[in-house]
Structures are given as C-alpha cells and as structure tokens.
C-alpha cells in the first residue's frame, strides 16, 4: 500500500494556544485519514508571518515558502476555515491568494505543480453559508490544480446568532462524523490512485 501524508492548513483567526473550532474539525478529519494509513500534520496560518501578496515568496521574512513546502510534500490538503459574514474568513482568502502563484509553477513533466494532490475542505460557523464557503474554496483549489474527491467537503453550522461553537459540543454529531469518515475514505482512495496514476504530462 502506498504511504500517504496529509496536512491541514487551518485558517482560524485565533492564534495558538487558544481553542479553535476550525482546528478541532480539521483534527477530526485528520483522525479519520489516519485510519486509512495516512500520516498527518497541521498548522494554523495565523501563527506564522505570512505576507500579503500573490508570489511564491514575498521576501522580508515571509513564512509562506516554508508552509508551501509542507503542502508540496503532502498528498492530501485539508483546508479548514470558519465562516465570517457568509464567506470564507480572510485567512482562507489569503491562502488562496498565495497559492495563486502556483498556477504558473510546473513539475519536471510540465504539469501544474499541484497536479496529483487531493484537496478537501472543512468549514465551521454559527451562521448560514457553509455550502457557499465550501464551493468558493473548492473552486479555487481546483483552479490551482488540486483534485477534489467525491463529497470532499464537511461542515458544522450552529444555530444562527448564537454563541455555541463546534469546540463547545460534547461529541461530534453523527452526521458530521459520518461525513468526515466518507471524506477521508474518498480522499485517501483518490490520493493513492493519483500517486500511481498522475495526470498526463503537458
């Protein structure tokens, strides 16, 4: 069986070590991936000095190149973001802007550099907009060259205008747990397939 790895890029607005619902949902997805022999890791973008811009390296101590290397080394990307005002949070948008530079980066066979990598999306919030947020992130990830598995998005949305967060729940709701399991199963299957059957060279 092909060894796989996954990284969760967590786009919470909350720096460590404070609790984060986006991180917790990502950890639940990573836990499911581990059941399929996937080695996992994660990081919060806000804990790093990621510069604004659309280049691979914005210079002046930019932390993005090191994060990008971790994404390039992984077979599966789990992008986790909260909803703010019905949209992906600003950190998630910043990640997409930085990944935009890879539209022009290619591998040794002339393929876009993210070809052969699988991307999934996890969303939390206490307002409507989960499907739109997943759609926005998946469209951007697909444009960059990631491949999306069937049912590759998961989310939890609490009651509107209330204060209950995902991290406050006593247990993972059954529908979310089932969705996480399906996402992980499909992502691992697809990543394993692509690791042996990447897209044709340009």
Protein backbone atom coordinates (compact mmCIF):
# COMPACT_ATOMS: atom_id res chain seq x y z
CA UNK A 1 0.00 0.00 0.00
CA UNK A 2 1.30 3.44 -0.95
CA UNK A 3 2.28 5.61 2.03
CA UNK A 4 0.34 8.87 2.07
CA UNK A 5 0.57 12.11 4.02
CA UNK A 6 -1.90 14.90 4.70
CA UNK A 7 -1.56 18.41 6.06
CA UNK A 8 -4.35 20.53 7.49
CA UNK A 9 -3.98 24.23 6.78
CA UNK A 10 -6.14 25.80 9.47
CA UNK A 11 -7.43 29.27 8.66
CA UNK A 12 -8.82 30.21 12.05
CA UNK A 13 -8.48 33.85 13.06
CA UNK A 14 -7.49 32.68 16.57
CA UNK A 15 -3.76 32.30 17.34
CA UNK A 16 -2.47 29.37 19.38
CA UNK A 17 -2.83 28.25 22.09
CA UNK A 18 -6.48 29.35 22.30
CA UNK A 19 -9.05 26.73 21.33
CA UNK A 20 -10.27 26.78 17.74
CA UNK A 21 -13.33 25.12 16.22
CA UNK A 22 -11.68 25.16 12.79
CA UNK A 23 -8.69 23.31 14.20
CA UNK A 24 -10.88 20.80 16.04
CA UNK A 25 -12.87 19.88 12.93
CA UNK A 26 -9.62 19.56 10.96
CA UNK A 27 -8.23 17.27 13.65
CA UNK A 28 -11.33 15.11 13.40
CA UNK A 29 -10.84 14.82 9.63
CA UNK A 30 -7.14 14.02 10.10
CA UNK A 31 -8.06 11.34 12.62
CA UNK A 32 -10.26 9.69 10.01
CA UNK A 33 -7.47 9.90 7.44
CA UNK A 34 -5.11 8.16 9.86
CA UNK A 35 -7.47 5.17 9.80
CA UNK A 36 -6.51 4.84 6.12
CA UNK A 37 -2.75 4.76 6.80
CA UNK A 38 -2.26 8.48 6.16
CA UNK A 39 0.40 10.33 8.17
CA UNK A 40 -0.94 13.72 9.25
CA UNK A 41 0.19 17.14 10.41
CA UNK A 42 -1.40 20.57 10.79
CA UNK A 43 -0.67 24.24 11.31
CA UNK A 44 -2.54 27.46 12.00
CA UNK A 45 -1.67 30.08 9.41
CA UNK A 46 -2.11 32.93 11.92
CA UNK A 47 0.75 31.53 13.99
CA UNK A 48 3.13 32.36 11.13
CA UNK A 49 4.18 35.63 9.49
CA UNK A 50 2.57 35.06 6.10
CA UNK A 51 2.89 38.17 3.97
CA UNK A 52 0.13 39.53 1.76
CA UNK A 53 0.68 39.00 -1.94
CA UNK A 54 0.41 36.61 -4.86
CA UNK A 55 4.02 35.45 -5.24
CA UNK A 56 5.63 32.21 -4.09
CA UNK A 57 7.94 34.22 -1.83
CA UNK A 58 7.18 37.80 -0.78
CA UNK A 59 10.59 38.15 0.91
CA UNK A 60 11.34 40.00 4.16
CA UNK A 61 10.81 37.03 6.47
CA UNK A 62 7.75 35.68 4.65
CA UNK A 63 6.69 32.39 6.28
CA UNK A 64 4.66 31.19 3.30
CA UNK A 65 7.50 29.42 1.41
CA UNK A 66 8.02 27.03 4.34
CA UNK A 67 4.26 26.36 4.56
CA UNK A 68 4.13 25.85 0.80
CA UNK A 69 6.91 23.25 1.02
CA UNK A 70 4.79 21.30 3.51
CA UNK A 71 1.83 21.42 1.12
CA UNK A 72 4.05 20.24 -1.75
CA UNK A 73 5.34 17.36 0.39
CA UNK A 74 1.80 16.15 1.23
CA UNK A 75 -0.56 14.06 -0.85
CA UNK A 76 -3.72 15.50 0.72
CA UNK A 77 -4.57 19.06 1.76
CA UNK A 78 -7.29 19.67 4.33
CA UNK A 79 -8.25 23.34 4.23
CA UNK A 80 -10.24 24.34 7.30
CA UNK A 81 -11.94 27.73 7.64
CA UNK A 82 -14.62 29.43 9.68
CA UNK A 83 -17.47 31.34 8.09
CA UNK A 84 -17.46 35.08 8.64
CA UNK A 85 -20.39 37.13 7.31
CA UNK A 86 -21.35 34.29 4.99
CA UNK A 87 -17.89 33.92 3.43
CA UNK A 88 -14.59 32.12 3.98
CA UNK A 89 -12.53 34.05 6.51
CA UNK A 90 -9.80 36.46 5.43
CA UNK A 91 -7.03 34.00 6.28
CA UNK A 92 -8.52 31.40 3.91
CA UNK A 93 -8.67 34.03 1.18
CA UNK A 94 -5.04 34.92 1.87
CA UNK A 95 -4.06 31.26 1.49
CA UNK A 96 -5.83 31.15 -1.88
CA UNK A 97 -4.04 34.32 -2.96
CA UNK A 98 -0.67 32.82 -2.05
CA UNK A 99 -1.50 29.53 -3.79
CA UNK A 100 -2.40 31.55 -6.89
CA UNK A 101 1.32 31.82 -7.62
CA UNK A 102 1.38 28.08 -8.26
CA UNK A 103 -0.83 28.45 -11.32
CA UNK A 104 2.40 29.16 -13.23
CA UNK A 105 4.61 26.62 -11.42
CA UNK A 106 5.15 23.25 -13.13
CA UNK A 107 6.81 19.94 -12.35
CA UNK A 108 9.53 18.20 -14.39
CA UNK A 109 6.90 16.88 -16.82
CA UNK A 110 5.40 20.31 -17.42
CA UNK A 111 2.27 19.68 -15.34
CA UNK A 112 0.93 22.30 -12.90
CA UNK A 113 2.79 21.61 -9.67
CA UNK A 114 -0.31 20.76 -7.62
CA UNK A 115 -1.47 18.07 -10.07
CA UNK A 116 -1.74 14.72 -8.35
CA UNK A 117 -2.61 16.26 -4.99
CA UNK A 118 -6.03 15.92 -3.36
CA UNK A 119 -7.76 18.78 -1.57
CA UNK A 120 -10.66 18.71 0.89
CA UNK A 121 -12.47 21.48 2.75
CA UNK A 122 -13.78 21.70 6.32
CA UNK A 123 -15.99 24.59 7.46
CA UNK A 124 -17.40 25.71 10.81
CA UNK A 125 -19.62 28.62 11.81
CA UNK A 126 -22.70 29.81 13.65
CA UNK A 127 -24.34 31.36 10.61
CA UNK A 128 -25.50 30.24 7.20
CA UNK A 129 -23.08 29.88 4.31
CA UNK A 130 -21.32 26.52 4.68
CA UNK A 131 -22.15 25.30 1.19
CA UNK A 132 -21.10 28.59 -0.40
CA UNK A 133 -17.87 28.64 1.59
CA UNK A 134 -17.03 25.08 0.55
CA UNK A 135 -17.90 25.93 -3.07
CA UNK A 136 -15.68 29.02 -3.06
CA UNK A 137 -12.71 27.14 -1.63
CA UNK A 138 -13.16 24.09 -3.85
CA UNK A 139 -13.39 26.20 -6.99
CA UNK A 140 -10.15 27.99 -6.12
CA UNK A 141 -8.34 24.78 -5.17
CA UNK A 142 -9.45 23.11 -8.40
CA UNK A 143 -8.24 26.10 -10.44
CA UNK A 144 -4.83 25.80 -8.78
CA UNK A 145 -4.62 22.14 -9.81
CA UNK A 146 -5.78 20.11 -6.82
CA UNK A 147 -8.14 17.20 -7.41
CA UNK A 148 -11.35 17.04 -5.36
CA UNK A 149 -12.74 13.73 -4.09
CA UNK A 150 -16.43 12.89 -4.19
CA UNK A 151 -18.13 14.50 -1.18
CA UNK A 152 -14.85 16.14 -0.22
CA UNK A 153 -16.36 18.84 1.96
CA UNK A 154 -17.51 18.65 5.58
CA UNK A 155 -19.06 21.24 7.86
CA UNK A 156 -20.81 22.06 11.09
CA UNK A 157 -23.01 25.14 11.41
CA UNK A 158 -24.62 26.10 14.70
CA UNK A 159 -27.82 27.98 15.27
CA UNK A 160 -27.69 31.47 13.75
CA UNK A 161 -26.77 34.36 16.04
CA UNK A 162 -25.98 32.06 18.97
CA UNK A 163 -22.69 31.52 20.80
CA UNK A 164 -22.38 27.73 20.66
CA UNK A 165 -19.27 26.72 18.71
CA UNK A 166 -18.14 23.37 17.37
CA UNK A 167 -15.48 23.22 20.07
CA UNK A 168 -18.22 23.51 22.72
CA UNK A 169 -20.01 20.32 21.65
CA UNK A 170 -19.85 17.31 23.96
CA UNK A 171 -19.45 14.95 21.00
CA UNK A 172 -19.19 15.07 17.24
CA UNK A 173 -22.73 14.98 15.80
CA UNK A 174 -23.39 11.72 13.96
CA UNK A 175 -23.99 13.38 10.55
CA UNK A 176 -20.68 15.26 10.83
CA UNK A 177 -18.81 12.14 11.95
CA UNK A 178 -20.27 10.19 9.04
CA UNK A 179 -19.38 12.95 6.58
CA UNK A 180 -15.82 13.18 7.96
CA UNK A 181 -15.41 9.42 7.55
CA UNK A 182 -16.65 9.47 3.96
CA UNK A 183 -14.47 12.44 3.08
CA UNK A 184 -11.38 10.72 4.49
CA UNK A 185 -12.14 7.41 2.81
CA UNK A 186 -12.62 9.03 -0.60
CA UNK A 187 -9.66 11.39 -0.23
CA UNK A 188 -7.28 8.57 0.73
CA UNK A 189 -8.54 6.40 -2.14
CA UNK A 190 -8.13 9.20 -4.67
CA UNK A 191 -4.71 10.25 -3.38
CA UNK A 192 -3.49 6.65 -3.51
CA UNK A 193 -4.74 6.33 -7.08
CA UNK A 194 -3.15 9.61 -8.20
CA UNK A 195 0.16 8.73 -6.55
CA UNK A 196 0.42 5.89 -9.08
CA UNK A 197 -1.55 7.44 -11.96
CA UNK A 198 -0.82 11.14 -12.17
CA UNK A 199 -2.24 13.29 -14.94
CA UNK A 200 -0.59 13.23 -18.39
CA UNK A 201 2.41 15.44 -18.98
CA UNK A 202 1.85 18.62 -20.96
